[in-house]
C-alpha cells in the first residue's frame, strides 16, 4: 500500500494534516512526518498528546483524511510531492502499539492508529 515514493516523502520532514469529521463539521490537527510509524501494510501510528477534539470526532465517526508531503521529493509536475490518505482511526492508551510509540515519544499519552484504505498522490 505504501510505495517507495510515499515512504521517501515521509522520510523527509513535513506537515501532516489529520481531518476528522462528524455531523457538527470537520476538525483539522497537524503533526510531523517524522512522528509517523508504519507497523504494518496499511497502518500508521501517530503519537498524541492533545488531539482531544480529534478524538471526540473519531469516537463518533472513525473515518479520517490525512494529507502529507515534502517539497524535497520530485512530484508529478516538478519539485514537491503530496498525498491524500483515506482511512479509519482509533485512539489507544495502552497495548503494544502504545508502548512502542511511548518509547520514542515520552510525551505521548495516547496513540492514534490509522488503518489506511486508500493512498492517492495529489501532486
PDB file of N, CA and C in Angstrom:
ATOM      1  N   UNK A   1       0.822  -1.189   0.000  1.00  0.00           N
ATOM      2  CA  UNK A   1       0.000   0.000   0.000  1.00  0.00           C
ATOM      3  C   UNK A   1       0.870   1.259   0.000  1.00  0.00           C
ATOM      4  N   UNK A   2       1.925   1.273   0.813  1.00  0.00           N
ATOM      5  CA  UNK A   2       2.808   2.433   0.889  1.00  0.00           C
ATOM      6  C   UNK A   2       3.996   2.179  -0.037  1.00  0.00           C
ATOM      7  N   UNK A   3       3.986   2.809  -1.206  1.00  0.00           N
ATOM      8  CA  UNK A   3       5.039   2.552  -2.183  1.00  0.00           C
ATOM      9  C   UNK A   3       6.331   3.292  -1.828  1.00  0.00           C
ATOM     10  N   UNK A   4       7.350   3.073  -2.634  1.00  0.00           N
ATOM     11  CA  UNK A   4       8.674   3.632  -2.345  1.00  0.00           C
ATOM     12  C   UNK A   4       8.655   5.162  -2.334  1.00  0.00           C
ATOM     13  N   UNK A   5       7.956   5.780  -3.273  1.00  0.00           N
ATOM     14  CA  UNK A   5       7.910   7.248  -3.316  1.00  0.00           C
ATOM     15  C   UNK A   5       7.231   7.789  -2.060  1.00  0.00           C
ATOM     16  N   UNK A   6       6.138   7.158  -1.657  1.00  0.00           N
ATOM     17  CA  UNK A   6       5.441   7.584  -0.440  1.00  0.00           C
ATOM     18  C   UNK A   6       6.375   7.510   0.763  1.00  0.00           C
ATOM     19  N   UNK A   7       7.085   6.398   0.903  1.00  0.00           N
ATOM     20  CA  UNK A   7       7.980   6.234   2.047  1.00  0.00           C
ATOM     21  C   UNK A   7       9.147   7.226   1.992  1.00  0.00           C
ATOM     22  N   UNK A   8       9.591   7.590   0.793  1.00  0.00           N
ATOM     23  CA  UNK A   8      10.618   8.622   0.660  1.00  0.00           C
ATOM     24  C   UNK A   8      10.083   9.959   1.147  1.00  0.00           C
ATOM     25  N   UNK A   9       8.847  10.275   0.781  1.00  0.00           N
ATOM     26  CA  UNK A   9       8.228  11.528   1.218  1.00  0.00           C
ATOM     27  C   UNK A   9       8.156  11.589   2.739  1.00  0.00           C
ATOM     28  N   UNK A  10       7.676  10.527   3.381  1.00  0.00           N
ATOM     29  CA  UNK A  10       7.527  10.584   4.842  1.00  0.00           C
ATOM     30  C   UNK A  10       8.869  10.524   5.565  1.00  0.00           C
ATOM     31  N   UNK A  11       9.928  10.144   4.861  1.00  0.00           N
ATOM     32  CA  UNK A  11      11.256  10.175   5.487  1.00  0.00           C
ATOM     33  C   UNK A  11      11.822  11.593   5.545  1.00  0.00           C
ATOM     34  N   UNK A  12      11.225  12.514   4.795  1.00  0.00           N
ATOM     35  CA  UNK A  12      11.601  13.928   4.823  1.00  0.00           C
ATOM     36  C   UNK A  12      10.657  14.649   5.775  1.00  0.00           C
ATOM     37  N   UNK A  13      11.136  15.723   6.407  1.00  0.00           N
ATOM     38  CA  UNK A  13      10.248  16.436   7.331  1.00  0.00           C
ATOM     39  C   UNK A  13       9.204  17.217   6.563  1.00  0.00           C
ATOM     40  N   UNK A  14       8.009  17.219   7.093  1.00  0.00           N
ATOM     41  CA  UNK A  14       6.897  17.956   6.517  1.00  0.00           C
ATOM     42  C   UNK A  14       5.708  17.860   7.455  1.00  0.00           C
ATOM     43  N   UNK A  15       4.691  18.632   7.149  1.00  0.00           N
ATOM     44  CA  UNK A  15       3.488  18.675   7.975  1.00  0.00           C
ATOM     45  C   UNK A  15       2.504  17.611   7.522  1.00  0.00           C
ATOM     46  N   UNK A  16       1.884  16.965   8.487  1.00  0.00           N
ATOM     47  CA  UNK A  16       0.789  16.026   8.245  1.00  0.00           C
ATOM     48  C   UNK A  16      -0.477  16.670   8.798  1.00  0.00           C
ATOM     49  N   UNK A  17      -1.515  16.745   7.986  1.00  0.00           N
ATOM     50  CA  UNK A  17      -2.816  17.229   8.452  1.00  0.00           C
ATOM     51  C   UNK A  17      -3.746  16.039   8.617  1.00  0.00           C
ATOM     52  N   UNK A  18      -4.450  16.011   9.741  1.00  0.00           N
ATOM     53  CA  UNK A  18      -5.400  14.944  10.046  1.00  0.00           C
ATOM     54  C   UNK A  18      -6.777  15.586  10.152  1.00  0.00           C
ATOM     55  N   UNK A  19      -7.690  15.152   9.296  1.00  0.00           N
ATOM     56  CA  UNK A  19      -9.040  15.707   9.276  1.00  0.00           C
ATOM     57  C   UNK A  19     -10.001  14.653   9.820  1.00  0.00           C
ATOM     58  N   UNK A  20     -10.705  15.027  10.886  1.00  0.00           N
ATOM     59  CA  UNK A  20     -11.775  14.192  11.435  1.00  0.00           C
ATOM     60  C   UNK A  20     -13.066  14.979  11.286  1.00  0.00           C
ATOM     61  N   UNK A  21     -14.184  14.264  11.208  1.00  0.00           N
ATOM     62  CA  UNK A  21     -15.444  14.978  10.985  1.00  0.00           C
ATOM     63  C   UNK A  21     -16.619  14.179  11.532  1.00  0.00           C
ATOM     64  N   UNK A  22     -17.652  14.940  11.909  1.00  0.00           N
ATOM     65  CA  UNK A  22     -18.905  14.352  12.359  1.00  0.00           C
ATOM     66  C   UNK A  22     -20.036  15.246  11.878  1.00  0.00           C
ATOM     67  N   UNK A  23     -21.232  15.062  12.412  1.00  0.00           N
ATOM     68  CA  UNK A  23     -22.383  15.854  11.982  1.00  0.00           C
ATOM     69  C   UNK A  23     -22.222  17.348  12.255  1.00  0.00           C
ATOM     70  N   UNK A  24     -21.346  17.696  13.186  1.00  0.00           N
ATOM     71  CA  UNK A  24     -21.134  19.102  13.535  1.00  0.00           C
ATOM     72  C   UNK A  24     -20.050  19.769  12.700  1.00  0.00           C
ATOM     73  N   UNK A  25     -19.402  19.022  11.824  1.00  0.00           N
ATOM     74  CA  UNK A  25     -18.389  19.595  10.950  1.00  0.00           C
ATOM     75  C   UNK A  25     -17.038  18.931  11.085  1.00  0.00           C
ATOM     76  N   UNK A  26     -16.067  19.527  10.424  1.00  0.00           N
ATOM     77  CA  UNK A  26     -14.713  18.979  10.369  1.00  0.00           C
ATOM     78  C   UNK A  26     -13.793  19.658  11.381  1.00  0.00           C
ATOM     79  N   UNK A  27     -12.737  18.947  11.742  1.00  0.00           N
ATOM     80  CA  UNK A  27     -11.683  19.476  12.603  1.00  0.00           C
ATOM     81  C   UNK A  27     -10.348  19.031  12.014  1.00  0.00           C
ATOM     82  N   UNK A  28      -9.377  19.927  12.015  1.00  0.00           N
ATOM     83  CA  UNK A  28      -8.052  19.620  11.474  1.00  0.00           C
ATOM     84  C   UNK A  28      -7.013  19.806  12.565  1.00  0.00           C
ATOM     85  N   UNK A  29      -6.117  18.841  12.664  1.00  0.00           N
ATOM     86  CA  UNK A  29      -4.986  18.918  13.583  1.00  0.00           C
ATOM     87  C   UNK A  29      -3.743  18.530  12.785  1.00  0.00           C
ATOM     88  N   UNK A  30      -2.585  18.983  13.231  1.00  0.00           N
ATOM     89  CA  UNK A  30      -1.344  18.722  12.497  1.00  0.00           C
ATOM     90  C   UNK A  30      -0.332  17.984  13.352  1.00  0.00           C
ATOM     91  N   UNK A  31       0.545  17.269  12.658  1.00  0.00           N
ATOM     92  CA  UNK A  31       1.697  16.628  13.270  1.00  0.00           C
ATOM     93  C   UNK A  31       2.816  16.651  12.239  1.00  0.00           C
ATOM     94  N   UNK A  32       3.872  15.894  12.466  1.00  0.00           N
ATOM     95  CA  UNK A  32       5.036  15.900  11.579  1.00  0.00           C
ATOM     96  C   UNK A  32       5.250  14.531  10.946  1.00  0.00           C
ATOM     97  N   UNK A  33       5.792  14.544   9.732  1.00  0.00           N
ATOM     98  CA  UNK A  33       6.128  13.290   9.043  1.00  0.00           C
ATOM     99  C   UNK A  33       6.996  12.392   9.923  1.00  0.00           C
ATOM    100  N   UNK A  34       7.956  12.990  10.613  1.00  0.00           N
ATOM    101  CA  UNK A  34       8.909  12.202  11.407  1.00  0.00           C
ATOM    102  C   UNK A  34       8.258  11.523  12.612  1.00  0.00           C
ATOM    103  N   UNK A  35       7.023  11.880  12.936  1.00  0.00           N
ATOM    104  CA  UNK A  35       6.334  11.237  14.052  1.00  0.00           C
ATOM    105  C   UNK A  35       5.592   9.974  13.629  1.00  0.00           C
ATOM    106  N   UNK A  36       5.449   9.734  12.328  1.00  0.00           N
ATOM    107  CA  UNK A  36       4.662   8.601  11.854  1.00  0.00           C
ATOM    108  C   UNK A  36       5.453   7.308  11.944  1.00  0.00           C
ATOM    109  N   UNK A  37       4.761   6.235  12.351  1.00  0.00           N
ATOM    110  CA  UNK A  37       5.342   4.889  12.365  1.00  0.00           C
ATOM    111  C   UNK A  37       4.442   3.991  11.524  1.00  0.00           C
ATOM    112  N   UNK A  38       5.055   3.019  10.855  1.00  0.00           N
ATOM    113  CA  UNK A  38       4.335   2.143   9.931  1.00  0.00           C
ATOM    114  C   UNK A  38       4.525   0.687  10.345  1.00  0.00           C
ATOM    115  N   UNK A  39       3.687   0.200  11.277  1.00  0.00           N
ATOM    116  CA  UNK A  39       3.879  -1.143  11.814  1.00  0.00           C
ATOM    117  C   UNK A  39       3.338  -2.274  10.944  1.00  0.00           C
ATOM    118  N   UNK A  40       2.601  -1.933   9.919  1.00  0.00           N
ATOM    119  CA  UNK A  40       2.022  -2.975   9.075  1.00  0.00           C
ATOM    120  C   UNK A  40       1.722  -2.444   7.702  1.00  0.00           C
ATOM    121  N   UNK A  41       1.189  -3.297   6.879  1.00  0.00           N
ATOM    122  CA  UNK A  41       0.964  -2.977   5.468  1.00  0.00           C
ATOM    123  C   UNK A  41       0.117  -1.728   5.259  1.00  0.00           C
ATOM    124  N   UNK A  42      -0.885  -1.518   6.089  1.00  0.00           N
ATOM    125  CA  UNK A  42      -1.782  -0.378   5.861  1.00  0.00           C
ATOM    126  C   UNK A  42      -2.083   0.410   7.142  1.00  0.00           C
ATOM    127  N   UNK A  43      -1.177   0.350   8.096  1.00  0.00           N
ATOM    128  CA  UNK A  43      -1.424   1.059   9.357  1.00  0.00           C
ATOM    129  C   UNK A  43      -0.370   2.120   9.611  1.00  0.00           C
ATOM    130  N   UNK A  44      -0.827   3.206  10.248  1.00  0.00           N
ATOM    131  CA  UNK A  44       0.059   4.286  10.679  1.00  0.00           C
ATOM    132  C   UNK A  44      -0.215   4.544  12.153  1.00  0.00           C
ATOM    133  N   UNK A  45       0.846   4.679  12.939  1.00  0.00           N
ATOM    134  CA  UNK A  45       0.727   5.049  14.342  1.00  0.00           C
ATOM    135  C   UNK A  45       1.254   6.461  14.509  1.00  0.00           C
ATOM    136  N   UNK A  46       0.478   7.283  15.219  1.00  0.00           N
ATOM    137  CA  UNK A  46       0.815   8.688  15.411  1.00  0.00           C
ATOM    138  C   UNK A  46       0.740   9.010  16.901  1.00  0.00           C
ATOM    139  N   UNK A  47       1.833   9.513  17.493  1.00  0.00           N
ATOM    140  CA  UNK A  47       1.778   9.869  18.908  1.00  0.00           C
ATOM    141  C   UNK A  47       0.815  11.034  19.128  1.00  0.00           C
ATOM    142  N   UNK A  48       0.072  10.974  20.223  1.00  0.00           N
ATOM    143  CA  UNK A  48      -0.900  12.024  20.541  1.00  0.00           C
ATOM    144  C   UNK A  48      -0.679  12.514  21.963  1.00  0.00           C
ATOM    145  N   UNK A  49      -0.759  13.821  22.132  1.00  0.00           N
ATOM    146  CA  UNK A  49      -0.776  14.431  23.452  1.00  0.00           C
ATOM    147  C   UNK A  49      -2.063  15.231  23.603  1.00  0.00           C
ATOM    148  N   UNK A  50      -2.301  16.143  22.683  1.00  0.00           N
ATOM    149  CA  UNK A  50      -3.563  16.888  22.634  1.00  0.00           C
ATOM    150  C   UNK A  50      -4.575  16.084  21.830  1.00  0.00           C
ATOM    151  N   UNK A  51      -4.992  16.647  20.744  1.00  0.00           N
ATOM    152  CA  UNK A  51      -5.911  15.986  19.807  1.00  0.00           C
ATOM    153  C   UNK A  51      -7.231  15.574  20.450  1.00  0.00           C
ATOM    154  N   UNK A  52      -7.692  16.292  21.444  1.00  0.00           N
ATOM    155  CA  UNK A  52      -8.941  15.932  22.135  1.00  0.00           C
ATOM    156  C   UNK A  52     -10.167  16.107  21.233  1.00  0.00           C
ATOM    157  N   UNK A  53     -10.212  17.190  20.434  1.00  0.00           N
ATOM    158  CA  UNK A  53     -11.333  17.362  19.509  1.00  0.00           C
ATOM    159  C   UNK A  53     -11.318  16.267  18.454  1.00  0.00           C
ATOM    160  N   UNK A  54     -10.124  15.936  17.983  1.00  0.00           N
ATOM    161  CA  UNK A  54      -9.996  14.847  17.011  1.00  0.00           C
ATOM    162  C   UNK A  54     -10.520  13.551  17.609  1.00  0.00           C
ATOM    163  N   UNK A  55     -10.135  13.245  18.825  1.00  0.00           N
ATOM    164  CA  UNK A  55     -10.583  12.021  19.464  1.00  0.00           C
ATOM    165  C   UNK A  55     -12.102  11.998  19.605  1.00  0.00           C
ATOM    166  N   UNK A  56     -12.690  13.121  20.002  1.00  0.00           N
ATOM    167  CA  UNK A  56     -14.144  13.187  20.134  1.00  0.00           C
ATOM    168  C   UNK A  56     -14.854  12.909  18.828  1.00  0.00           C
ATOM    169  N   UNK A  57     -14.339  13.453  17.744  1.00  0.00           N
ATOM    170  CA  UNK A  57     -14.955  13.228  16.439  1.00  0.00           C
ATOM    171  C   UNK A  57     -14.742  11.789  15.966  1.00  0.00           C
ATOM    172  N   UNK A  58     -13.547  11.244  16.209  1.00  0.00           N
ATOM    173  CA  UNK A  58     -13.256   9.862  15.819  1.00  0.00           C
ATOM    174  C   UNK A  58     -14.154   8.879  16.570  1.00  0.00           C
ATOM    175  N   UNK A  59     -14.486   9.189  17.813  1.00  0.00           N
ATOM    176  CA  UNK A  59     -15.381   8.318  18.577  1.00  0.00           C
ATOM    177  C   UNK A  59     -16.793   8.309  17.989  1.00  0.00           C
ATOM    178  N   UNK A  60     -17.175   9.383  17.296  1.00  0.00           N
ATOM    179  CA  UNK A  60     -18.488   9.452  16.642  1.00  0.00           C
ATOM    180  C   UNK A  60     -18.440   8.927  15.211  1.00  0.00           C
ATOM    181  N   UNK A  61     -17.317   9.153  14.529  1.00  0.00           N
ATOM    182  CA  UNK A  61     -17.153   8.748  13.130  1.00  0.00           C
ATOM    183  C   UNK A  61     -15.672   8.434  12.936  1.00  0.00           C
ATOM    184  N   UNK A  62     -15.351   7.183  12.739  1.00  0.00           N
ATOM    185  CA  UNK A  62     -13.944   6.774  12.682  1.00  0.00           C
ATOM    186  C   UNK A  62     -13.245   7.132  11.374  1.00  0.00           C
ATOM    187  N   UNK A  63     -13.972   7.625  10.392  1.00  0.00           N
ATOM    188  CA  UNK A  63     -13.352   7.966   9.109  1.00  0.00           C
ATOM    189  C   UNK A  63     -12.500   9.225   9.238  1.00  0.00           C
ATOM    190  N   UNK A  64     -11.286   9.163   8.670  1.00  0.00           N
ATOM    191  CA  UNK A  64     -10.376  10.299   8.688  1.00  0.00           C
ATOM    192  C   UNK A  64      -9.720  10.471   7.324  1.00  0.00           C
ATOM    193  N   UNK A  65      -9.230  11.682   7.097  1.00  0.00           N
ATOM    194  CA  UNK A  65      -8.420  12.005   5.934  1.00  0.00           C
ATOM    195  C   UNK A  65      -7.094  12.538   6.443  1.00  0.00           C
ATOM    196  N   UNK A  66      -6.013  12.168   5.783  1.00  0.00           N
ATOM    197  CA  UNK A  66      -4.700  12.713   6.106  1.00  0.00           C
ATOM    198  C   UNK A  66      -4.089  13.262   4.827  1.00  0.00           C
ATOM    199  N   UNK A  67      -3.410  14.389   4.938  1.00  0.00           N
ATOM    200  CA  UNK A  67      -2.594  14.878   3.844  1.00  0.00           C
ATOM    201  C   UNK A  67      -1.183  15.049   4.361  1.00  0.00           C
ATOM    202  N   UNK A  68      -0.224  14.770   3.493  1.00  0.00           N
ATOM    203  CA  UNK A  68       1.173  14.945   3.861  1.00  0.00           C
ATOM    204  C   UNK A  68       1.981  15.142   2.600  1.00  0.00           C
ATOM    205  N   UNK A  69       3.185  15.646   2.759  1.00  0.00           N
ATOM    206  CA  UNK A  69       4.026  15.858   1.594  1.00  0.00           C
ATOM    207  C   UNK A  69       5.402  16.338   1.974  1.00  0.00           C
ATOM    208  N   UNK A  70       6.195  16.539   0.925  1.00  0.00           N
ATOM    209  CA  UNK A  70       7.535  17.107   1.086  1.00  0.00           C
ATOM    210  C   UNK A  70       7.912  17.816  -0.206  1.00  0.00           C
ATOM    211  N   UNK A  71       8.488  18.977  -0.072  1.00  0.00           N
ATOM    212  CA  UNK A  71       8.959  19.701  -1.250  1.00  0.00           C
ATOM    213  C   UNK A  71      10.284  19.136  -1.745  1.00  0.00           C
ATOM    214  N   UNK A  72      10.878  18.217  -0.991  1.00  0.00           N
ATOM    215  CA  UNK A  72      12.188  17.655  -1.326  1.00  0.00           C
ATOM    216  C   UNK A  72      12.126  16.452  -2.259  1.00  0.00           C
ATOM    217  N   UNK A  73      10.927  15.976  -2.591  1.00  0.00           N
ATOM    218  CA  UNK A  73      10.786  14.784  -3.435  1.00  0.00           C
ATOM    219  C   UNK A  73      10.083  15.190  -4.720  1.00  0.00           C
ATOM    220  N   UNK A  74      10.642  14.796  -5.846  1.00  0.00           N
ATOM    221  CA  UNK A  74      10.077  15.122  -7.155  1.00  0.00           C
ATOM    222  C   UNK A  74       8.654  14.587  -7.253  1.00  0.00           C
ATOM    223  N   UNK A  75       7.752  15.445  -7.731  1.00  0.00           N
ATOM    224  CA  UNK A  75       6.346  15.078  -7.850  1.00  0.00           C
ATOM    225  C   UNK A  75       5.906  14.914  -9.289  1.00  0.00           C
ATOM    226  N   UNK A  76       4.616  14.941  -9.508  1.00  0.00           N
ATOM    227  CA  UNK A  76       4.036  14.771 -10.842  1.00  0.00           C
ATOM    228  C   UNK A  76       4.379  15.929 -11.777  1.00  0.00           C
ATOM    229  N   UNK A  77       4.511  17.137 -11.210  1.00  0.00           N
ATOM    230  CA  UNK A  77       4.687  18.334 -12.035  1.00  0.00           C
ATOM    231  C   UNK A  77       5.949  19.105 -11.694  1.00  0.00           C
ATOM    232  N   UNK A  78       6.858  18.504 -10.976  1.00  0.00           N
ATOM    233  CA  UNK A  78       8.086  19.192 -10.577  1.00  0.00           C
ATOM    234  C   UNK A  78       8.402  18.938  -9.129  1.00  0.00           C
ATOM    235  N   UNK A  79       9.163  19.850  -8.516  1.00  0.00           N
ATOM    236  CA  UNK A  79       9.552  19.654  -7.117  1.00  0.00           C
ATOM    237  C   UNK A  79       8.337  19.617  -6.180  1.00  0.00           C
ATOM    238  N   UNK A  80       8.332  18.674  -5.313  1.00  0.00           N
ATOM    239  CA  UNK A  80       7.275  18.550  -4.314  1.00  0.00           C
ATOM    240  C   UNK A  80       6.294  17.444  -4.628  1.00  0.00           C
ATOM    241  N   UNK A  81       6.013  16.643  -3.611  1.00  0.00           N
ATOM    242  CA  UNK A  81       5.058  15.537  -3.743  1.00  0.00           C
ATOM    243  C   UNK A  81       4.130  15.562  -2.544  1.00  0.00           C
ATOM    244  N   UNK A  82       2.847  15.339  -2.796  1.00  0.00           N
ATOM    245  CA  UNK A  82       1.867  15.296  -1.723  1.00  0.00           C
ATOM    246  C   UNK A  82       0.922  14.129  -1.897  1.00  0.00           C
ATOM    247  N   UNK A  83       0.336  13.708  -0.787  1.00  0.00           N
ATOM    248  CA  UNK A  83      -0.570  12.563  -0.774  1.00  0.00           C
ATOM    249  C   UNK A  83      -1.821  12.860   0.036  1.00  0.00           C
ATOM    250  N   UNK A  84      -2.908  12.233  -0.372  1.00  0.00           N
ATOM    251  CA  UNK A  84      -4.161  12.210   0.379  1.00  0.00           C
ATOM    252  C   UNK A  84      -4.416  10.770   0.775  1.00  0.00           C
ATOM    253  N   UNK A  85      -4.609  10.536   2.057  1.00  0.00           N
ATOM    254  CA  UNK A  85      -4.890   9.199   2.572  1.00  0.00           C
ATOM    255  C   UNK A  85      -6.290   9.181   3.160  1.00  0.00           C
ATOM    256  N   UNK A  86      -7.005   8.106   2.914  1.00  0.00           N
ATOM    257  CA  UNK A  86      -8.334   7.881   3.469  1.00  0.00           C
ATOM    258  C   UNK A  86      -8.248   6.658   4.359  1.00  0.00           C
ATOM    259  N   UNK A  87      -8.935   6.711   5.503  1.00  0.00           N
ATOM    260  CA  UNK A  87      -8.903   5.555   6.381  1.00  0.00           C
ATOM    261  C   UNK A  87      -9.812   5.707   7.575  1.00  0.00           C
ATOM    262  N   UNK A  88      -9.614   4.823   8.533  1.00  0.00           N
ATOM    263  CA  UNK A  88     -10.356   4.856   9.786  1.00  0.00           C
ATOM    264  C   UNK A  88      -9.352   4.956  10.928  1.00  0.00           C
ATOM    265  N   UNK A  89      -9.811   5.524  12.036  1.00  0.00           N
ATOM    266  CA  UNK A  89      -8.892   5.791  13.143  1.00  0.00           C
ATOM    267  C   UNK A  89      -9.478   5.358  14.472  1.00  0.00           C
ATOM    268  N   UNK A  90      -8.569   5.080  15.397  1.00  0.00           N
ATOM    269  CA  UNK A  90      -8.932   4.785  16.779  1.00  0.00           C
ATOM    270  C   UNK A  90      -7.791   5.284  17.671  1.00  0.00           C
ATOM    271  N   UNK A  91      -8.126   5.813  18.816  1.00  0.00           N
ATOM    272  CA  UNK A  91      -7.132   6.217  19.805  1.00  0.00           C
ATOM    273  C   UNK A  91      -6.929   5.086  20.791  1.00  0.00           C
ATOM    274  N   UNK A  92      -5.658   4.811  21.128  1.00  0.00           N
ATOM    275  CA  UNK A  92      -5.324   3.771  22.100  1.00  0.00           C
ATOM    276  C   UNK A  92      -4.449   4.385  23.190  1.00  0.00           C
ATOM    277  N   UNK A  93      -4.695   3.960  24.432  1.00  0.00           N
ATOM    278  CA  UNK A  93      -3.867   4.460  25.534  1.00  0.00           C
ATOM    279  C   UNK A  93      -3.135   3.344  26.264  1.00  0.00           C
ATOM    280  N   UNK A  94      -3.156   2.147  25.686  1.00  0.00           N
ATOM    281  CA  UNK A  94      -2.387   1.034  26.240  1.00  0.00           C
ATOM    282  C   UNK A  94      -2.198   0.000  25.138  1.00  0.00           C
ATOM    283  N   UNK A  95      -1.368  -0.979  25.427  1.00  0.00           N
ATOM    284  CA  UNK A  95      -1.116  -2.046  24.476  1.00  0.00           C
ATOM    285  C   UNK A  95       0.232  -1.906  23.795  1.00  0.00           C
ATOM    286  N   UNK A  96       0.591  -2.887  22.988  1.00  0.00           N
ATOM    287  CA  UNK A  96       1.927  -2.899  22.371  1.00  0.00           C
ATOM    288  C   UNK A  96       2.190  -1.722  21.432  1.00  0.00           C
ATOM    289  N   UNK A  97       1.170  -1.292  20.679  1.00  0.00           N
ATOM    290  CA  UNK A  97       1.367  -0.142  19.791  1.00  0.00           C
ATOM    291  C   UNK A  97       1.634   1.121  20.606  1.00  0.00           C
ATOM    292  N   UNK A  98       0.858   1.311  21.668  1.00  0.00           N
ATOM    293  CA  UNK A  98       1.076   2.478  22.529  1.00  0.00           C
ATOM    294  C   UNK A  98       2.476   2.426  23.140  1.00  0.00           C
ATOM    295  N   UNK A  99       2.865   1.263  23.660  1.00  0.00           N
ATOM    296  CA  UNK A  99       4.185   1.129  24.284  1.00  0.00           C
ATOM    297  C   UNK A  99       5.302   1.455  23.301  1.00  0.00           C
ATOM    298  N   UNK A 100       5.164   1.012  22.047  1.00  0.00           N
ATOM    299  CA  UNK A 100       6.185   1.279  21.025  1.00  0.00           C
ATOM    300  C   UNK A 100       6.291   2.774  20.750  1.00  0.00           C
ATOM    301  N   UNK A 101       5.156   3.436  20.624  1.00  0.00           N
ATOM    302  CA  UNK A 101       5.153   4.876  20.373  1.00  0.00           C
ATOM    303  C   UNK A 101       5.700   5.628  21.585  1.00  0.00           C
ATOM    304  N   UNK A 102       5.259   5.254  22.763  1.00  0.00           N
ATOM    305  CA  UNK A 102       5.686   5.920  24.002  1.00  0.00           C
ATOM    306  C   UNK A 102       7.206   5.811  24.193  1.00  0.00           C
ATOM    307  N   UNK A 103       7.799   4.710  23.758  1.00  0.00           N
ATOM    308  CA  UNK A 103       9.242   4.549  23.911  1.00  0.00           C
ATOM    309  C   UNK A 103      10.021   5.562  23.067  1.00  0.00           C
ATOM    310  N   UNK A 104       9.414   6.059  22.001  1.00  0.00           N
ATOM    311  CA  UNK A 104      10.067   7.061  21.147  1.00  0.00           C
ATOM    312  C   UNK A 104       9.626   8.495  21.438  1.00  0.00           C
ATOM    313  N   UNK A 105       8.440   8.644  22.002  1.00  0.00           N
ATOM    314  CA  UNK A 105       7.877   9.967  22.268  1.00  0.00           C
ATOM    315  C   UNK A 105       7.332   9.967  23.693  1.00  0.00           C
ATOM    316  N   UNK A 106       8.180  10.321  24.643  1.00  0.00           N
ATOM    317  CA  UNK A 106       7.824  10.219  26.060  1.00  0.00           C
ATOM    318  C   UNK A 106       6.604  11.063  26.424  1.00  0.00           C
ATOM    319  N   UNK A 107       6.328  12.095  25.667  1.00  0.00           N
ATOM    320  CA  UNK A 107       5.208  12.997  25.939  1.00  0.00           C
ATOM    321  C   UNK A 107       3.855  12.431  25.486  1.00  0.00           C
ATOM    322  N   UNK A 108       3.862  11.377  24.688  1.00  0.00           N
ATOM    323  CA  UNK A 108       2.608  10.812  24.164  1.00  0.00           C
ATOM    324  C   UNK A 108       1.799  10.175  25.289  1.00  0.00           C
ATOM    325  N   UNK A 109       0.510  10.531  25.374  1.00  0.00           N
ATOM    326  CA  UNK A 109      -0.364   9.864  26.350  1.00  0.00           C
ATOM    327  C   UNK A 109      -1.407   8.986  25.663  1.00  0.00           C
ATOM    328  N   UNK A 110      -1.393   8.974  24.330  1.00  0.00           N
ATOM    329  CA  UNK A 110      -2.230   8.094  23.523  1.00  0.00           C
ATOM    330  C   UNK A 110      -1.551   7.901  22.179  1.00  0.00           C
ATOM    331  N   UNK A 111      -2.034   6.943  21.433  1.00  0.00           N
ATOM    332  CA  UNK A 111      -1.562   6.772  20.064  1.00  0.00           C
ATOM    333  C   UNK A 111      -2.794   6.764  19.155  1.00  0.00           C
ATOM    334  N   UNK A 112      -2.685   7.482  18.056  1.00  0.00           N
ATOM    335  CA  UNK A 112      -3.733   7.463  17.041  1.00  0.00           C
ATOM    336  C   UNK A 112      -3.328   6.418  16.017  1.00  0.00           C
ATOM    337  N   UNK A 113      -4.129   5.372  15.907  1.00  0.00           N
ATOM    338  CA  UNK A 113      -3.872   4.318  14.938  1.00  0.00           C
ATOM    339  C   UNK A 113      -4.800   4.533  13.745  1.00  0.00           C
ATOM    340  N   UNK A 114      -4.214   4.705  12.570  1.00  0.00           N
ATOM    341  CA  UNK A 114      -4.980   4.900  11.348  1.00  0.00           C
ATOM    342  C   UNK A 114      -4.801   3.672  10.469  1.00  0.00           C
ATOM    343  N   UNK A 115      -5.920   3.068  10.086  1.00  0.00           N
ATOM    344  CA  UNK A 115      -5.915   1.981   9.116  1.00  0.00           C
ATOM    345  C   UNK A 115      -6.274   2.600   7.773  1.00  0.00           C
ATOM    346  N   UNK A 116      -5.321   2.605   6.863  1.00  0.00           N
ATOM    347  CA  UNK A 116      -5.461   3.311   5.595  1.00  0.00           C
ATOM    348  C   UNK A 116      -6.136   2.405   4.565  1.00  0.00           C
ATOM    349  N   UNK A 117      -7.149   2.946   3.891  1.00  0.00           N
ATOM    350  CA  UNK A 117      -7.854   2.199   2.851  1.00  0.00           C
ATOM    351  C   UNK A 117      -7.482   2.682   1.452  1.00  0.00           C
ATOM    352  N   UNK A 118      -6.977   3.920   1.342  1.00  0.00           N
ATOM    353  CA  UNK A 118      -6.594   4.460   0.048  1.00  0.00           C
ATOM    354  C   UNK A 118      -5.477   5.473   0.205  1.00  0.00           C
ATOM    355  N   UNK A 119      -4.498   5.413  -0.711  1.00  0.00           N
ATOM    356  CA  UNK A 119      -3.410   6.374  -0.779  1.00  0.00           C
ATOM    357  C   UNK A 119      -3.421   6.926  -2.203  1.00  0.00           C
ATOM    358  N   UNK A 120      -3.523   8.253  -2.313  1.00  0.00           N
ATOM    359  CA  UNK A 120      -3.547   8.869  -3.642  1.00  0.00           C
ATOM    360  C   UNK A 120      -2.542  10.011  -3.697  1.00  0.00           C
ATOM    361  N   UNK A 121      -1.632   9.946  -4.679  1.00  0.00           N
ATOM    362  CA  UNK A 121      -0.687  11.037  -4.877  1.00  0.00           C
ATOM    363  C   UNK A 121      -1.434  12.201  -5.525  1.00  0.00           C
ATOM    364  N   UNK A 122      -1.341  13.382  -4.928  1.00  0.00           N
ATOM    365  CA  UNK A 122      -2.070  14.540  -5.424  1.00  0.00           C
ATOM    366  C   UNK A 122      -1.201  15.498  -6.236  1.00  0.00           C
ATOM    367  N   UNK A 123       0.075  15.595  -5.911  1.00  0.00           N
ATOM    368  CA  UNK A 123       0.991  16.437  -6.691  1.00  0.00           C
ATOM    369  C   UNK A 123       2.298  15.698  -6.890  1.00  0.00           C
TER     370      UNK A 123
END
